[in-house]
Protein backbone atom coordinates (compact mmCIF):
# COMPACT_ATOMS: atom_id res chain seq x y z
CA UNK A 1 87.28 113.62 109.21
CA UNK A 2 89.35 111.22 111.43
CA UNK A 3 88.35 107.84 111.91
CA UNK A 4 90.07 105.34 114.51
CA UNK A 5 90.74 102.56 112.70
CA UNK A 6 93.31 99.13 112.20
CA UNK A 7 94.52 96.96 109.49
CA UNK A 8 91.11 95.17 109.38
CA UNK A 9 89.02 98.26 108.99
CA UNK A 10 90.58 98.73 105.79
CA UNK A 11 88.27 97.05 102.94
CA UNK A 12 89.95 96.21 99.56
CA UNK A 13 87.37 96.03 97.23
CA UNK A 14 85.93 96.53 93.30
CA UNK A 15 82.29 97.46 93.98
CA UNK A 16 81.99 101.03 95.00
CA UNK A 17 83.35 101.78 91.79
CA UNK A 18 84.51 99.14 89.31
CA UNK A 19 88.19 99.77 89.96
CA UNK A 20 90.02 97.82 93.22
CA UNK A 21 90.80 100.46 96.19
CA UNK A 22 91.27 99.84 99.62
CA UNK A 23 88.02 101.44 101.54
CA UNK A 24 87.35 102.33 105.49
CA UNK A 25 84.86 99.84 107.01
CA UNK A 26 82.83 102.22 109.16
CA UNK A 27 82.18 104.39 105.86
CA UNK A 28 81.30 101.22 104.22
CA UNK A 29 78.90 99.92 106.76
CA UNK A 30 77.55 103.82 107.12
CA UNK A 31 76.55 103.96 103.65
CA UNK A 32 75.11 100.37 104.29
CA UNK A 33 77.15 98.46 102.72
CA UNK A 34 77.65 94.91 104.04
CA UNK A 35 80.48 92.44 104.07
CA UNK A 36 78.35 90.52 101.73
CA UNK A 37 78.21 93.27 99.20
CA UNK A 38 81.63 94.52 99.16
CA UNK A 39 83.23 90.52 98.69
CA UNK A 40 81.04 90.37 95.88
CA UNK A 41 83.65 89.90 92.83
CA UNK A 42 83.10 92.42 89.89
CA UNK A 43 84.51 93.22 86.53
CA UNK A 44 85.82 96.25 86.04
CA UNK A 45 82.64 97.77 84.36
CA UNK A 46 82.20 101.48 85.62
CA UNK A 47 78.48 101.02 85.79
CA UNK A 48 76.11 98.05 85.92
CA UNK A 49 77.50 95.94 88.63
CA UNK A 50 78.61 98.77 90.89
CA UNK A 51 76.58 98.65 94.39
CA UNK A 52 77.21 102.50 94.62
CA UNK A 53 74.12 104.78 93.80
CA UNK A 54 73.10 108.71 94.75
CA UNK A 55 73.88 108.60 98.36
CA UNK A 56 76.73 105.96 98.33
CA UNK A 57 79.24 107.43 95.47
CA UNK A 58 83.27 106.33 95.50
CA UNK A 59 85.40 109.49 97.08
CA UNK A 60 82.21 111.31 97.86
CA UNK A 61 80.52 109.78 100.48
CA UNK A 62 82.62 106.83 100.98
CA UNK A 63 86.50 107.89 101.41
CA UNK A 64 89.33 105.45 99.91
CA UNK A 65 91.47 104.65 102.41
CA UNK A 66 94.76 104.86 100.36
CA UNK A 67 97.55 102.56 99.94
CA UNK A 68 99.55 103.98 102.90
CA UNK A 69 96.40 104.31 105.44
CA UNK A 70 97.84 101.97 108.21
CA UNK A 71 101.36 103.34 108.79
CA UNK A 72 99.80 106.84 109.47
CA UNK A 73 99.78 106.78 113.78
CA UNK A 74 98.78 110.41 114.53
CA UNK A 75 97.04 113.59 113.19
CA UNK A 76 99.18 116.50 113.74
CA UNK A 77 98.24 120.41 113.32
CA UNK A 78 99.26 121.83 110.01
CA UNK A 79 101.97 123.95 111.62
CA UNK A 80 103.75 120.94 113.00
CA UNK A 81 103.30 119.19 109.73
CA UNK A 82 104.68 121.98 108.05
CA UNK A 83 107.80 122.23 110.25
CA UNK A 84 108.63 118.74 110.10
CA UNK A 85 108.25 118.65 106.18
CA UNK A 86 110.70 121.73 106.04
CA UNK A 87 113.11 119.80 108.17
CA UNK A 88 112.41 116.24 106.14
CA UNK A 89 112.89 118.89 102.81
CA UNK A 90 116.37 120.80 104.03
CA UNK A 91 118.20 116.70 105.04
CA UNK A 92 117.18 115.33 102.17
CA UNK A 93 118.59 118.13 100.03
CA UNK A 94 121.69 118.15 102.47
CA UNK A 95 121.80 114.68 101.86
CA UNK A 96 121.67 114.73 97.78
CA UNK A 97 123.93 117.80 97.99
CA UNK A 98 126.53 115.84 99.53
CA UNK A 99 126.15 112.82 97.12
CA UNK A 100 126.16 115.28 94.13
CA UNK A 101 129.68 117.16 95.40
CA UNK A 102 131.17 113.14 95.05
CA UNK A 103 130.87 113.21 91.50
CA UNK A 104 132.41 116.92 90.75
């Protein structure tokens, strides 16, 4: 699922799973989780204080945003992503090979 979002759409909260993590505001709101709820301070508990229920589960119906979510600026076809990854991998290998050659 692709969701248009900005930095203000990434919510850092522990009330979903008991562990502080980044979640996307649109998904939280879709699950009925309000700003008042996600701003609540909770102890890491894994059960008693969490707002998640049978319908709202962390990483099942409420996706974590991940640490690099704001840096993602495009949504590529897999074939383009694989080609880019292969090219970048080759550059890294060549660079490391040159560095290693200095020590031979």
